[in-house]
N, C-alpha and C. Protein backbone atom coordinates (compact mmCIF):
# COMPACT_ATOMS: atom_id res chain seq x y z
N MET A 1 -10.94 29.68 -9.53
CA MET A 1 -10.92 28.64 -8.08
C MET A 1 -12.42 29.04 -7.82
N GLY A 2 -13.14 27.62 -7.00
CA GLY A 2 -13.96 27.89 -6.33
C GLY A 2 -14.34 28.57 -4.87
N CYS A 3 -13.38 28.59 -4.52
CA CYS A 3 -13.62 29.53 -3.31
C CYS A 3 -12.73 30.74 -2.62
N ALA A 4 -12.79 31.84 -3.08
CA ALA A 4 -12.25 33.35 -2.98
C ALA A 4 -11.51 33.42 -2.01
N GLN A 5 -12.19 32.80 -0.82
CA GLN A 5 -11.90 33.00 0.69
C GLN A 5 -10.38 32.54 0.78
N LEU A 6 -10.11 31.16 0.19
CA LEU A 6 -9.33 30.03 0.55
C LEU A 6 -8.23 30.95 -0.86
N VAL A 7 -8.62 31.55 -1.66
CA VAL A 7 -7.51 31.68 -2.82
C VAL A 7 -7.01 32.91 -1.49
N GLU A 8 -7.82 33.93 -1.30
CA GLU A 8 -7.29 35.27 -0.15
C GLU A 8 -6.28 34.69 0.59
N LEU A 9 -6.66 33.71 1.74
CA LEU A 9 -5.96 33.19 2.82
C LEU A 9 -4.74 32.40 2.19
N PHE A 10 -4.49 31.52 1.45
CA PHE A 10 -3.34 30.69 0.80
C PHE A 10 -2.65 31.38 -0.15
N GLY A 11 -3.40 31.81 -1.03
CA GLY A 11 -2.30 32.61 -2.83
C GLY A 11 -3.18 31.76 -3.68
N GLU A 12 -3.05 32.14 -4.78
CA GLU A 12 -3.53 31.36 -6.12
C GLU A 12 -2.35 30.61 -6.00
N HIS A 13 -1.35 30.89 -6.39
CA HIS A 13 -0.03 29.97 -6.42
C HIS A 13 -0.27 28.55 -5.46
N PHE A 14 -0.32 28.82 -4.46
CA PHE A 14 -0.69 27.06 -3.31
C PHE A 14 -2.01 26.61 -3.90
N ILE A 15 -2.88 27.41 -3.66
CA ILE A 15 -4.26 26.49 -4.58
C ILE A 15 -4.19 26.08 -5.57
N GLN A 16 -3.35 26.69 -6.78
CA GLN A 16 -3.41 25.86 -8.16
C GLN A 16 -2.55 24.55 -7.89
N THR A 17 -1.22 24.86 -6.84
CA THR A 17 -0.42 23.49 -6.73
C THR A 17 -0.93 22.79 -5.90
N TYR A 18 -1.61 22.69 -5.25
CA TYR A 18 -2.57 21.97 -4.12
C TYR A 18 -3.84 21.12 -4.93
N SER A 19 -4.39 21.67 -5.66
CA SER A 19 -5.57 21.44 -6.41
C SER A 19 -4.83 20.47 -7.73
N ALA A 20 -3.90 20.71 -8.47
CA ALA A 20 -3.18 19.81 -9.34
C ALA A 20 -2.38 18.57 -8.90
N ILE A 21 -1.94 18.41 -7.69
CA ILE A 21 -1.65 17.39 -6.74
C ILE A 21 -2.75 16.31 -6.90
N LYS A 22 -3.63 17.51 -6.05
CA LYS A 22 -4.95 16.40 -5.56
C LYS A 22 -5.77 15.56 -6.80
N GLU A 23 -5.58 16.67 -8.13
CA GLU A 23 -6.45 15.68 -9.29
C GLU A 23 -5.67 14.69 -9.60
N THR A 24 -3.82 14.91 -9.56
CA THR A 24 -3.09 13.36 -9.87
C THR A 24 -3.40 12.73 -8.79
N GLU A 25 -3.54 12.62 -7.43
CA GLU A 25 -3.84 11.63 -6.67
C GLU A 25 -5.20 10.70 -7.11
N TYR A 26 -6.10 11.41 -7.22
CA TYR A 26 -7.34 10.95 -7.47
C TYR A 26 -7.27 10.25 -8.61
N ARG A 27 -6.71 10.81 -10.25
CA ARG A 27 -6.66 9.90 -11.00
C ARG A 27 -5.93 8.40 -11.05
N GLU A 28 -4.68 8.37 -9.79
CA GLU A 28 -3.76 7.83 -9.91
C GLU A 28 -4.74 6.68 -8.76
N TYR A 29 -5.17 6.46 -8.06
CA TYR A 29 -6.06 5.90 -6.94
C TYR A 29 -7.16 4.77 -8.19
N PHE A 30 -7.38 5.73 -8.89
CA PHE A 30 -8.44 4.75 -9.84
C PHE A 30 -7.52 4.05 -10.88
N ASP A 31 -6.35 4.41 -11.24
CA ASP A 31 -5.45 3.39 -12.07
C ASP A 31 -5.41 2.05 -11.44
N VAL A 32 -5.05 1.67 -10.31
CA VAL A 32 -4.74 0.57 -9.37
C VAL A 32 -5.92 0.28 -8.85
N ILE A 33 -5.79 -1.37 -9.03
CA ILE A 33 -6.84 -2.28 -8.31
C ILE A 33 -6.15 -2.82 -7.41
N SER A 34 -7.00 -2.60 -6.08
CA SER A 34 -6.26 -2.71 -4.45
C SER A 34 -6.77 -4.39 -4.54
N PRO A 35 -5.82 -4.65 -3.72
CA PRO A 35 -6.10 -6.33 -3.27
C PRO A 35 -7.70 -6.63 -2.96
N TRP A 36 -8.14 -6.05 -1.71
CA TRP A 36 -9.37 -5.86 -1.45
C TRP A 36 -10.24 -5.89 -2.86
N GLU A 37 -10.22 -5.52 -3.84
CA GLU A 37 -10.79 -5.26 -4.79
C GLU A 37 -10.88 -6.09 -5.76
N ARG A 38 -9.72 -6.70 -5.78
CA ARG A 38 -9.14 -7.98 -6.62
C ARG A 38 -10.05 -9.24 -5.63
N ARG A 39 -9.75 -9.16 -4.53
CA ARG A 39 -10.15 -10.73 -3.84
C ARG A 39 -11.60 -10.74 -3.90
N PHE A 40 -12.39 -9.62 -3.70
CA PHE A 40 -13.74 -9.01 -3.52
C PHE A 40 -14.84 -9.01 -4.51
N LEU A 41 -14.53 -8.65 -5.83
CA LEU A 41 -15.33 -8.16 -6.42
C LEU A 41 -14.98 -8.40 -7.97
N LEU A 42 -13.47 -8.59 -8.08
CA LEU A 42 -13.01 -9.30 -9.63
C LEU A 42 -13.46 -10.54 -9.77
N LEU A 43 -13.67 -11.27 -8.49
CA LEU A 43 -14.31 -12.72 -8.43
C LEU A 43 -15.92 -12.94 -8.89
N HIS A 44 -16.63 -12.20 -8.47
CA HIS A 44 -17.61 -11.71 -8.69
C HIS A 44 -18.48 -10.99 -10.20
N VAL A 45 -17.47 -11.13 -10.96
CA VAL A 45 -17.89 -10.37 -11.90
C VAL A 45 -18.24 -11.13 -12.90
């Protein structure tokens, strides 16, 4: 893990679970084109 103090404070299990959730959210975010992106970016490609 990147920060020993956080692991010490929250515990290894929590940090691993939180990191896995955030990585999944990050990947899913880039799988979807938002209505704003469709409207303003796709029309100018």
